[in-house]
Amino acid sequence: MARKPTKRTEFVLFDVIYEDGSQRSNRRVPGDALGGLDGDEPARAIIEQQDREIAEKSGQIPLQIKSIQRAGAKVPEKEWKRR
């Protein structure tokens, strides 16, 4: 007998740039949390929550996010330099 297909959760990947200039790539955010009128803005709150949990476990303070963008998104070069 065939197995029932499991629910597949899709994720959207984001590149995150922090205030100190460091970058983290491919941060995962559930796809169902995005979309609607807010666009990708809910991703910032989700990533900030992930950062707080990571910082708590490592004993460090969480970094402040400067900007986020979807991984693989094309950004004009002059805008990238401002980040």
N, C-alpha and C. Protein backbone atom coordinates (compact mmCIF):
# COMPACT_ATOMS: atom_id res chain seq x y z
N MET A 1 0.83 -1.16 0.00
CA MET A 1 0.00 0.00 0.00
C MET A 1 0.89 1.25 0.00
N ALA A 2 0.51 2.24 -0.76
CA ALA A 2 1.32 3.46 -0.89
C ALA A 2 1.20 4.34 0.35
N ARG A 3 2.28 5.01 0.65
CA ARG A 3 2.26 5.94 1.79
C ARG A 3 1.55 7.23 1.41
N LYS A 4 0.94 7.83 2.39
CA LYS A 4 0.30 9.12 2.15
C LYS A 4 1.40 10.19 2.02
N PRO A 5 1.22 11.10 1.11
CA PRO A 5 2.23 12.16 1.00
C PRO A 5 2.19 13.07 2.23
N THR A 6 3.36 13.43 2.71
CA THR A 6 3.43 14.31 3.87
C THR A 6 3.33 15.76 3.42
N LYS A 7 2.91 16.60 4.33
CA LYS A 7 2.81 18.01 4.02
C LYS A 7 4.23 18.56 3.85
N ARG A 8 4.44 19.22 2.76
CA ARG A 8 5.76 19.75 2.47
C ARG A 8 5.78 21.25 2.77
N THR A 9 6.65 21.63 3.67
CA THR A 9 6.78 23.04 4.03
C THR A 9 7.81 23.67 3.12
N GLU A 10 7.42 24.74 2.45
CA GLU A 10 8.35 25.44 1.58
C GLU A 10 8.95 26.62 2.32
N PHE A 11 10.21 26.85 2.06
CA PHE A 11 10.93 27.94 2.69
C PHE A 11 11.42 28.92 1.64
N VAL A 12 11.55 30.17 2.04
CA VAL A 12 12.15 31.20 1.20
C VAL A 12 13.46 31.58 1.86
N LEU A 13 14.51 31.70 1.07
CA LEU A 13 15.83 32.02 1.60
C LEU A 13 16.10 33.52 1.50
N PHE A 14 16.71 34.07 2.54
CA PHE A 14 17.02 35.50 2.58
C PHE A 14 18.49 35.71 2.91
N ASP A 15 19.07 36.76 2.34
CA ASP A 15 20.39 37.24 2.72
C ASP A 15 20.17 38.39 3.69
N VAL A 16 20.88 38.37 4.81
CA VAL A 16 20.69 39.37 5.85
C VAL A 16 22.00 40.13 6.04
N ILE A 17 21.91 41.47 6.05
CA ILE A 17 23.07 42.31 6.33
C ILE A 17 22.81 43.00 7.66
N TYR A 18 23.79 42.92 8.55
CA TYR A 18 23.67 43.48 9.89
C TYR A 18 24.34 44.85 9.98
N GLU A 19 24.02 45.60 11.03
CA GLU A 19 24.54 46.95 11.22
C GLU A 19 26.07 46.98 11.27
N ASP A 20 26.71 45.93 11.76
CA ASP A 20 28.17 45.91 11.85
C ASP A 20 28.83 45.55 10.53
N GLY A 21 28.03 45.33 9.47
CA GLY A 21 28.56 45.03 8.14
C GLY A 21 28.65 43.55 7.82
N SER A 22 28.41 42.68 8.78
CA SER A 22 28.47 41.25 8.52
C SER A 22 27.23 40.81 7.75
N GLN A 23 27.36 39.68 7.06
CA GLN A 23 26.26 39.16 6.25
C GLN A 23 26.05 37.69 6.55
N ARG A 24 24.81 37.28 6.60
CA ARG A 24 24.44 35.87 6.73
C ARG A 24 23.58 35.53 5.53
N SER A 25 23.91 34.47 4.86
CA SER A 25 23.19 34.09 3.66
C SER A 25 22.29 32.89 3.92
N ASN A 26 21.25 32.80 3.10
CA ASN A 26 20.35 31.66 3.08
C ASN A 26 19.65 31.41 4.42
N ARG A 27 19.16 32.47 5.03
CA ARG A 27 18.34 32.32 6.23
C ARG A 27 16.96 31.86 5.81
N ARG A 28 16.46 30.81 6.42
CA ARG A 28 15.19 30.20 6.01
C ARG A 28 14.01 30.83 6.73
N VAL A 29 12.97 31.14 5.93
CA VAL A 29 11.72 31.67 6.46
C VAL A 29 10.59 30.87 5.82
N PRO A 30 9.61 30.41 6.59
CA PRO A 30 8.49 29.65 6.00
C PRO A 30 7.77 30.48 4.94
N GLY A 31 7.53 29.88 3.79
CA GLY A 31 6.89 30.58 2.68
C GLY A 31 5.48 31.03 2.98
N ASP A 32 4.76 30.29 3.82
CA ASP A 32 3.37 30.67 4.10
C ASP A 32 3.28 31.91 4.99
N ALA A 33 4.38 32.34 5.60
CA ALA A 33 4.38 33.55 6.42
C ALA A 33 4.54 34.81 5.57
N LEU A 34 4.91 34.62 4.30
CA LEU A 34 5.17 35.75 3.42
C LEU A 34 4.00 35.97 2.47
N GLY A 35 4.07 37.05 1.73
CA GLY A 35 3.02 37.35 0.76
C GLY A 35 2.01 38.31 1.34
N GLY A 36 0.90 38.43 0.68
CA GLY A 36 -0.11 39.37 1.15
C GLY A 36 0.34 40.80 0.94
N LEU A 37 -0.27 41.70 1.66
CA LEU A 37 0.03 43.12 1.50
C LEU A 37 1.38 43.51 2.09
N ASP A 38 1.86 42.75 3.07
CA ASP A 38 3.13 43.09 3.72
C ASP A 38 4.35 42.65 2.92
N GLY A 39 4.17 41.79 1.93
CA GLY A 39 5.30 41.32 1.13
C GLY A 39 6.28 40.53 1.98
N ASP A 40 7.56 40.93 1.95
CA ASP A 40 8.60 40.22 2.67
C ASP A 40 8.86 40.79 4.06
N GLU A 41 8.11 41.79 4.49
CA GLU A 41 8.34 42.42 5.79
C GLU A 41 8.19 41.44 6.97
N PRO A 42 7.26 40.48 6.93
CA PRO A 42 7.20 39.51 8.05
C PRO A 42 8.49 38.70 8.21
N ALA A 43 9.28 38.59 7.15
CA ALA A 43 10.54 37.84 7.23
C ALA A 43 11.49 38.49 8.22
N ARG A 44 11.49 39.81 8.30
CA ARG A 44 12.38 40.51 9.23
C ARG A 44 12.07 40.10 10.67
N ALA A 45 10.80 40.06 11.03
CA ALA A 45 10.41 39.68 12.39
C ALA A 45 10.79 38.23 12.68
N ILE A 46 10.61 37.36 11.71
CA ILE A 46 10.94 35.94 11.89
C ILE A 46 12.45 35.78 12.06
N ILE A 47 13.22 36.46 11.23
CA ILE A 47 14.68 36.36 11.31
C ILE A 47 15.18 36.97 12.62
N GLU A 48 14.58 38.08 13.07
CA GLU A 48 14.96 38.67 14.35
C GLU A 48 14.69 37.69 15.50
N GLN A 49 13.58 36.97 15.44
CA GLN A 49 13.26 35.97 16.46
C GLN A 49 14.30 34.85 16.44
N GLN A 50 14.67 34.40 15.23
CA GLN A 50 15.70 33.36 15.11
C GLN A 50 17.02 33.86 15.71
N ASP A 51 17.37 35.12 15.42
CA ASP A 51 18.60 35.69 15.96
C ASP A 51 18.59 35.75 17.48
N ARG A 52 17.44 36.11 18.06
CA ARG A 52 17.34 36.16 19.53
C ARG A 52 17.56 34.78 20.13
N GLU A 53 16.96 33.75 19.50
CA GLU A 53 17.13 32.38 20.01
C GLU A 53 18.58 31.93 19.90
N ILE A 54 19.22 32.24 18.77
CA ILE A 54 20.62 31.86 18.57
C ILE A 54 21.50 32.58 19.58
N ALA A 55 21.26 33.88 19.77
CA ALA A 55 22.06 34.67 20.71
C ALA A 55 21.90 34.17 22.14
N GLU A 56 20.68 33.79 22.49
CA GLU A 56 20.43 33.27 23.84
C GLU A 56 21.20 31.98 24.08
N LYS A 57 21.23 31.11 23.09
CA LYS A 57 21.93 29.84 23.24
C LYS A 57 23.44 30.02 23.27
N SER A 58 23.94 31.02 22.52
CA SER A 58 25.39 31.22 22.44
C SER A 58 25.91 32.17 23.51
N GLY A 59 25.00 32.87 24.20
CA GLY A 59 25.43 33.79 25.24
C GLY A 59 25.91 35.13 24.71
N GLN A 60 25.58 35.46 23.47
CA GLN A 60 25.97 36.73 22.88
C GLN A 60 24.74 37.60 22.67
N ILE A 61 24.96 38.88 22.40
CA ILE A 61 23.83 39.75 22.12
C ILE A 61 23.46 39.64 20.64
N PRO A 62 22.18 39.73 20.30
CA PRO A 62 21.79 39.65 18.89
C PRO A 62 22.20 40.91 18.14
N LEU A 63 22.59 40.75 16.89
CA LEU A 63 22.97 41.87 16.05
C LEU A 63 21.72 42.54 15.48
N GLN A 64 21.82 43.85 15.23
CA GLN A 64 20.71 44.59 14.63
C GLN A 64 20.75 44.41 13.11
N ILE A 65 19.60 44.13 12.52
CA ILE A 65 19.50 43.91 11.09
C ILE A 65 19.45 45.26 10.38
N LYS A 66 20.30 45.41 9.37
CA LYS A 66 20.30 46.62 8.56
C LYS A 66 19.36 46.46 7.37
N SER A 67 19.47 45.31 6.67
CA SER A 67 18.59 45.07 5.52
C SER A 67 18.49 43.58 5.25
N ILE A 68 17.40 43.21 4.59
CA ILE A 68 17.22 41.83 4.14
C ILE A 68 16.78 41.86 2.68
N GLN A 69 17.11 40.80 1.97
CA GLN A 69 16.62 40.64 0.60
C GLN A 69 16.57 39.15 0.30
N ARG A 70 15.72 38.79 -0.62
CA ARG A 70 15.63 37.38 -1.00
C ARG A 70 16.95 36.93 -1.60
N ALA A 71 17.36 35.73 -1.26
CA ALA A 71 18.60 35.19 -1.80
C ALA A 71 18.46 35.05 -3.30
N GLY A 72 19.48 35.47 -4.01
CA GLY A 72 19.47 35.37 -5.46
C GLY A 72 18.79 36.53 -6.16
N ALA A 73 18.23 37.48 -5.42
CA ALA A 73 17.57 38.63 -6.03
C ALA A 73 18.63 39.57 -6.60
N LYS A 74 18.35 40.13 -7.75
CA LYS A 74 19.26 41.06 -8.39
C LYS A 74 19.11 42.44 -7.75
N VAL A 75 20.23 43.01 -7.35
CA VAL A 75 20.24 44.34 -6.75
C VAL A 75 21.20 45.20 -7.57
N PRO A 76 20.80 46.42 -7.93
CA PRO A 76 21.72 47.29 -8.65
C PRO A 76 23.01 47.49 -7.86
N GLU A 77 24.14 47.55 -8.57
CA GLU A 77 25.44 47.63 -7.92
C GLU A 77 25.57 48.85 -7.01
N LYS A 78 25.05 50.00 -7.45
CA LYS A 78 25.18 51.19 -6.61
C LYS A 78 24.39 51.07 -5.32
N GLU A 79 23.26 50.35 -5.35
CA GLU A 79 22.49 50.13 -4.12
C GLU A 79 23.21 49.16 -3.20
N TRP A 80 23.87 48.15 -3.76
CA TRP A 80 24.59 47.17 -2.96
C TRP A 80 25.72 47.85 -2.19
N LYS A 81 26.38 48.82 -2.82
CA LYS A 81 27.48 49.51 -2.16
C LYS A 81 27.00 50.33 -0.98
N ARG A 82 25.75 50.83 -1.02
CA ARG A 82 25.21 51.61 0.08
C ARG A 82 24.91 50.74 1.28
N ARG A 83 24.71 49.47 1.08
CA ARG A 83 24.37 48.57 2.17
C ARG A 83 25.58 48.41 2.99
